[in-house]
């Protein structure tokens, strides 16, 4: 296990993309390992949700979504960051997506899906004046992925354009802070550990499979057991955990372990023996449980 490094090592890579109207986009690249993208995106979505937009930009269309309140879910599972709001959700591949407990995702596809490049950008008009600010991601095939829109000093609170000579420069503070931390490495990441890598144990509540299974008592047992053991992890419930059989399913993110046919009593045992004592309950582990019963 590597130690979390709070100081980003700059790439010192600046690229300029010309636009048909005579303007250009300036990209300043930053590293994209999870130890960099995790803190960055957690900060934007959890602490600055009022200030950022999410979407895609291609010639002929722009999609921009805004947050009306903090996200309901902000979690990393099998490589994908999932962010859920009341009206929409997103997924962004920050680590290799292995394909659940059976690791079924082909290596080539894992590399293609993964964020392989990230850059802070400024879009300039033909007169050389910056007019929009944001973050762009690319996947392993070099294709544009998600775009994050940062506060624009020329746009008012009601999406109205402010007078040309009266921008609200206070809105550039977020861009400048991100640049100092993640592009220039002048300031430390404001966390002592990667907030997206905080361990969790979860019970599946998906109705896609085993709809008759009762997950609530297991969820309560996990919460009580984790609290009793004074563990620094989250006990949660979640959507599909990619084991659509032998539920209820419990997943521990600390070492990517899936447990099948979990009861409240077994949930307590998992917390005590696996999380506290480091002993895997092999009789209920998936996919080993499938091999034993076949």
Protein backbone atom coordinates (compact mmCIF):
# COMPACT_ATOMS: atom_id res chain seq x y z
CA UNK A 1 0.00 0.00 0.00
CA UNK A 2 1.43 3.36 -1.04
CA UNK A 3 1.43 6.41 1.19
CA UNK A 4 -0.93 9.16 0.11
CA UNK A 5 1.10 12.02 -1.35
CA UNK A 6 -0.47 15.42 -0.80
CA UNK A 7 1.78 17.25 -3.25
CA UNK A 8 1.05 16.74 -6.96
CA UNK A 9 4.09 16.50 -9.22
CA UNK A 10 3.38 18.87 -12.15
CA UNK A 11 3.39 17.55 -15.70
CA UNK A 12 4.38 20.96 -17.08
CA UNK A 13 2.40 20.19 -20.22
CA UNK A 14 0.46 22.98 -21.94
CA UNK A 15 -1.35 22.45 -25.23
CA UNK A 16 -3.22 24.86 -27.48
CA UNK A 17 -6.12 23.87 -29.71
CA UNK A 18 -7.14 26.32 -32.42
CA UNK A 19 -10.83 27.02 -32.97
CA UNK A 20 -12.49 27.76 -36.35
CA UNK A 21 -13.59 31.22 -35.17
CA UNK A 22 -10.01 32.34 -34.59
CA UNK A 23 -10.03 31.63 -30.87
CA UNK A 24 -8.34 28.77 -29.08
CA UNK A 25 -8.49 26.49 -26.04
CA UNK A 26 -5.52 26.29 -23.71
CA UNK A 27 -5.11 22.98 -21.87
CA UNK A 28 -2.89 22.53 -18.82
CA UNK A 29 -2.59 18.81 -18.12
CA UNK A 30 -2.51 17.24 -14.66
CA UNK A 31 -1.77 13.61 -13.62
CA UNK A 32 -4.75 11.25 -13.64
CA UNK A 33 -3.97 8.48 -11.10
CA UNK A 34 -6.79 7.97 -8.58
CA UNK A 35 -4.67 9.64 -5.89
CA UNK A 36 -5.05 12.88 -7.88
CA UNK A 37 -8.45 12.58 -9.55
CA UNK A 38 -10.08 11.22 -6.37
CA UNK A 39 -9.42 14.26 -4.15
CA UNK A 40 -10.09 16.64 -7.05
CA UNK A 41 -13.51 15.24 -7.92
CA UNK A 42 -14.53 14.69 -4.32
CA UNK A 43 -13.76 18.34 -3.63
CA UNK A 44 -15.73 19.55 -6.64
CA UNK A 45 -18.79 17.34 -6.18
CA UNK A 46 -19.01 17.25 -2.40
CA UNK A 47 -17.72 20.67 -1.32
CA UNK A 48 -18.20 22.90 -4.39
CA UNK A 49 -21.34 21.37 -5.89
CA UNK A 50 -23.01 24.80 -6.02
CA UNK A 51 -20.30 26.11 -8.32
CA UNK A 52 -19.73 23.36 -10.90
CA UNK A 53 -21.61 21.97 -13.87
CA UNK A 54 -21.20 18.61 -15.58
CA UNK A 55 -21.68 17.68 -19.20
CA UNK A 56 -20.21 17.21 -22.67
CA UNK A 57 -19.11 19.67 -25.33
CA UNK A 58 -18.81 18.74 -29.01
CA UNK A 59 -19.30 20.81 -32.14
CA UNK A 60 -23.01 21.39 -32.52
CA UNK A 61 -24.14 20.46 -29.02
CA UNK A 62 -23.52 21.17 -25.36
CA UNK A 63 -24.96 19.30 -22.39
CA UNK A 64 -24.68 21.01 -19.02
CA UNK A 65 -26.16 19.68 -15.78
CA UNK A 66 -26.19 21.51 -12.47
CA UNK A 67 -26.47 20.44 -8.83
CA UNK A 68 -29.42 21.73 -6.80
CA UNK A 69 -28.09 20.14 -3.62
CA UNK A 70 -25.19 17.92 -2.52
CA UNK A 71 -25.13 14.52 -4.24
CA UNK A 72 -27.06 11.69 -2.58
CA UNK A 73 -24.32 9.23 -3.46
CA UNK A 74 -20.63 9.83 -4.13
CA UNK A 75 -18.90 6.46 -4.24
CA UNK A 76 -16.15 4.55 -6.07
CA UNK A 77 -16.97 0.96 -7.01
CA UNK A 78 -15.06 -1.32 -9.39
CA UNK A 79 -13.19 1.62 -10.89
CA UNK A 80 -16.21 3.81 -11.54
CA UNK A 81 -17.04 6.96 -9.64
CA UNK A 82 -20.82 7.17 -9.25
CA UNK A 83 -22.48 10.48 -8.45
CA UNK A 84 -26.24 10.47 -7.87
CA UNK A 85 -28.52 13.49 -7.52
CA UNK A 86 -32.30 13.74 -7.25
CA UNK A 87 -32.73 14.09 -11.01
CA UNK A 88 -29.70 12.54 -12.72
CA UNK A 89 -26.54 10.54 -12.15
CA UNK A 90 -23.14 10.02 -13.74
CA UNK A 91 -20.39 7.42 -13.92
CA UNK A 92 -16.73 8.14 -14.64
CA UNK A 93 -14.01 5.46 -14.81
CA UNK A 94 -11.13 6.55 -12.56
CA UNK A 95 -9.53 3.13 -12.01
CA UNK A 96 -9.50 -0.01 -14.11
CA UNK A 97 -12.99 -1.48 -14.31
CA UNK A 98 -12.27 -5.17 -13.66
CA UNK A 99 -15.82 -6.37 -14.24
CA UNK A 100 -17.08 -7.44 -10.84
CA UNK A 101 -15.86 -10.41 -8.80
CA UNK A 102 -15.14 -12.52 -11.87
CA UNK A 103 -12.98 -9.80 -13.49
CA UNK A 104 -14.70 -10.27 -16.86
CA UNK A 105 -13.72 -6.95 -18.45
CA UNK A 106 -11.10 -7.54 -21.20
CA UNK A 107 -7.78 -5.79 -20.60
CA UNK A 108 -8.12 -3.69 -23.76
CA UNK A 109 -11.54 -2.44 -22.66
CA UNK A 110 -10.26 -1.64 -19.16
CA UNK A 111 -7.63 0.63 -20.68
CA UNK A 112 -10.07 2.28 -23.08
CA UNK A 113 -12.64 3.12 -20.38
CA UNK A 114 -10.11 4.57 -17.95
CA UNK A 115 -9.50 8.30 -17.65
CA UNK A 116 -6.06 8.62 -19.23
CA UNK A 117 -5.74 12.38 -19.54
CA UNK A 118 -7.12 15.35 -17.64
CA UNK A 119 -6.59 19.05 -18.20
CA UNK A 120 -7.66 22.36 -16.78
CA UNK A 121 -8.71 24.58 -19.67
CA UNK A 122 -9.46 28.14 -20.64
CA UNK A 123 -11.35 28.97 -23.84
CA UNK A 124 -10.24 32.22 -25.53
CA UNK A 125 -12.07 34.36 -28.09
CA UNK A 126 -10.31 35.67 -31.24
CA UNK A 127 -9.20 38.77 -29.30
CA UNK A 128 -7.27 36.61 -26.86
CA UNK A 129 -9.69 37.06 -23.98
CA UNK A 130 -10.54 34.06 -21.79
CA UNK A 131 -14.29 33.42 -21.82
CA UNK A 132 -14.86 30.03 -20.16
CA UNK A 133 -13.05 27.78 -17.68
CA UNK A 134 -13.32 24.10 -16.93
CA UNK A 135 -11.84 20.58 -16.78
CA UNK A 136 -11.74 18.10 -19.67
CA UNK A 137 -11.15 14.34 -19.43
CA UNK A 138 -10.12 11.87 -22.15
CA UNK A 139 -10.27 8.07 -22.12
CA UNK A 140 -7.61 5.56 -23.13
CA UNK A 141 -8.61 5.83 -26.79
CA UNK A 142 -8.03 9.59 -26.75
CA UNK A 143 -11.77 10.31 -26.93
CA UNK A 144 -13.27 13.23 -25.04
CA UNK A 145 -15.11 12.15 -21.93
CA UNK A 146 -16.79 14.27 -19.30
CA UNK A 147 -16.48 18.04 -19.12
CA UNK A 148 -16.70 19.97 -15.83
CA UNK A 149 -17.74 23.61 -16.07
CA UNK A 150 -16.15 25.96 -13.54
CA UNK A 151 -17.59 29.33 -12.44
CA UNK A 152 -17.60 31.95 -15.19
CA UNK A 153 -16.94 35.56 -14.08
CA UNK A 154 -18.90 36.89 -17.06
CA UNK A 155 -22.12 35.07 -16.11
CA UNK A 156 -24.47 36.34 -13.40
CA UNK A 157 -26.46 34.39 -10.82
CA UNK A 158 -29.42 34.04 -13.18
CA UNK A 159 -27.37 32.93 -16.21
CA UNK A 160 -27.38 36.47 -17.56
CA UNK A 161 -24.25 37.94 -19.16
CA UNK A 162 -22.63 40.63 -17.07
CA UNK A 163 -21.40 43.86 -18.67
CA UNK A 164 -18.16 43.31 -20.61
CA UNK A 165 -16.11 45.51 -18.32
CA UNK A 166 -17.67 44.33 -15.06
CA UNK A 167 -16.84 40.63 -14.57
CA UNK A 168 -17.18 39.07 -11.14
CA UNK A 169 -13.56 37.99 -10.72
CA UNK A 170 -14.33 36.32 -7.38
CA UNK A 171 -15.71 33.45 -9.45
CA UNK A 172 -12.21 32.57 -10.66
CA UNK A 173 -11.05 31.58 -7.18
CA UNK A 174 -12.02 27.92 -7.63
CA UNK A 175 -10.17 27.69 -10.96
CA UNK A 176 -7.09 29.33 -9.46
CA UNK A 177 -7.10 27.03 -6.42
CA UNK A 178 -7.43 23.90 -8.56
CA UNK A 179 -4.61 25.12 -10.78
CA UNK A 180 -2.26 25.74 -7.84
CA UNK A 181 -2.95 22.30 -6.31
CA UNK A 182 -3.37 19.92 -9.24
CA UNK A 183 -1.56 21.58 -12.15
CA UNK A 184 1.29 23.57 -10.61
CA UNK A 185 1.78 21.61 -7.38
CA UNK A 186 2.19 24.84 -5.42
CA UNK A 187 -0.29 23.87 -2.71
CA UNK A 188 -0.99 20.55 -1.02
CA UNK A 189 -4.10 18.48 -1.65
CA UNK A 190 -6.45 19.51 1.20
CA UNK A 191 -6.90 15.95 2.55
CA UNK A 192 -4.66 13.64 4.57
CA UNK A 193 -6.02 10.62 2.67
CA UNK A 194 -7.88 10.02 -0.58
CA UNK A 195 -11.56 10.60 0.30
CA UNK A 196 -12.76 8.39 -2.57
CA UNK A 197 -10.71 5.46 -1.28
CA UNK A 198 -12.30 5.43 2.16
CA UNK A 199 -13.25 1.81 2.79
CA UNK A 200 -16.92 0.77 2.96
CA UNK A 201 -18.95 -2.36 3.47
CA UNK A 202 -22.25 -2.54 1.63
CA UNK A 203 -25.30 -4.76 1.29
CA UNK A 204 -27.02 -4.92 -2.10
CA UNK A 205 -30.58 -3.58 -2.16
CA UNK A 206 -31.16 -3.99 -5.90
CA UNK A 207 -34.56 -5.39 -6.85
CA UNK A 208 -33.08 -6.72 -10.10
CA UNK A 209 -32.28 -10.03 -8.43
CA UNK A 210 -33.54 -11.87 -5.36
CA UNK A 211 -36.36 -9.36 -4.89
CA UNK A 212 -37.74 -11.37 -1.98
CA UNK A 213 -34.56 -11.06 0.05
CA UNK A 214 -34.76 -8.71 3.01
CA UNK A 215 -31.61 -6.57 3.08
CA UNK A 216 -32.65 -4.08 5.80
CA UNK A 217 -31.79 -6.30 8.81
CA UNK A 218 -28.38 -7.00 7.29
CA UNK A 219 -27.78 -3.30 6.74
CA UNK A 220 -28.66 -2.57 10.36
CA UNK A 221 -26.42 -5.40 11.58
CA UNK A 222 -23.49 -4.03 9.55
CA UNK A 223 -23.99 -0.54 10.91
CA UNK A 224 -24.21 -1.67 14.53
CA UNK A 225 -21.23 -4.02 14.21
CA UNK A 226 -19.01 -1.40 12.56
CA UNK A 227 -19.96 1.15 15.20
CA UNK A 228 -19.35 -1.33 18.02
CA UNK A 229 -15.92 -2.23 16.61
CA UNK A 230 -15.13 1.50 16.23
CA UNK A 231 -13.98 1.00 12.65
CA UNK A 232 -13.22 3.96 10.41
CA UNK A 233 -15.29 2.68 7.47
CA UNK A 234 -18.78 3.32 6.11
CA UNK A 235 -21.55 0.74 6.41
CA UNK A 236 -23.96 1.42 3.55
CA UNK A 237 -26.49 -0.11 1.19
CA UNK A 238 -26.12 0.17 -2.56
CA UNK A 239 -27.43 -0.81 -5.96
CA UNK A 240 -26.36 -3.86 -7.95
CA UNK A 241 -23.09 -5.40 -6.75
CA UNK A 242 -22.75 -7.60 -9.86
CA UNK A 243 -23.51 -10.91 -8.13
CA UNK A 244 -27.06 -11.53 -9.27
CA UNK A 245 -27.53 -14.80 -7.40
CA UNK A 246 -27.34 -16.22 -3.91
CA UNK A 247 -28.31 -12.94 -2.24
CA UNK A 248 -28.29 -11.06 -0.03
CA UNK A 249 -24.84 -9.89 -1.16
CA UNK A 250 -22.34 -7.95 0.96
CA UNK A 251 -19.25 -6.27 -0.52
CA UNK A 252 -16.17 -4.99 1.32
CA UNK A 253 -14.22 -2.42 -0.69
CA UNK A 254 -11.06 -2.69 1.39
CA UNK A 255 -9.94 -5.85 -0.41
CA UNK A 256 -12.71 -6.36 -3.02
CA UNK A 257 -14.49 -9.25 -1.28
CA UNK A 258 -18.07 -10.30 -2.07
CA UNK A 259 -20.08 -12.42 0.39
CA UNK A 260 -23.20 -14.40 -0.53
CA UNK A 261 -26.32 -15.50 1.38
CA UNK A 262 -25.60 -13.10 4.20
CA UNK A 263 -27.80 -13.08 7.28
CA UNK A 264 -27.72 -10.50 10.09
CA UNK A 265 -25.71 -12.98 12.17
CA UNK A 266 -23.25 -13.55 9.33
CA UNK A 267 -22.99 -9.79 8.81
CA UNK A 268 -21.82 -9.41 12.41
CA UNK A 269 -19.36 -12.25 11.90
CA UNK A 270 -17.98 -10.64 8.72
CA UNK A 271 -17.31 -7.39 10.55
CA UNK A 272 -15.65 -9.08 13.51
CA UNK A 273 -13.62 -11.74 11.72
CA UNK A 274 -12.88 -10.14 8.35
CA UNK A 275 -12.69 -6.41 9.10
CA UNK A 276 -11.33 -6.61 12.64
CA UNK A 277 -9.30 -9.82 12.66
CA UNK A 278 -8.43 -10.02 8.96
CA UNK A 279 -9.85 -13.54 8.49
CA UNK A 280 -11.89 -14.19 5.34
CA UNK A 281 -15.01 -16.32 5.78
CA UNK A 282 -14.26 -18.60 2.83
CA UNK A 283 -17.52 -20.55 2.99
CA UNK A 284 -19.50 -17.50 1.86
CA UNK A 285 -17.01 -15.79 -0.47
CA UNK A 286 -17.98 -15.28 -4.12
CA UNK A 287 -16.97 -16.70 -6.58
CA UNK A 288 -15.33 -19.41 -4.47
CA UNK A 289 -18.75 -20.26 -3.00
CA UNK A 290 -19.99 -21.11 -6.50
CA UNK A 291 -17.11 -23.53 -7.08
CA UNK A 292 -17.69 -25.27 -3.77
CA UNK A 293 -21.39 -25.84 -4.48
CA UNK A 294 -21.12 -26.92 -8.12
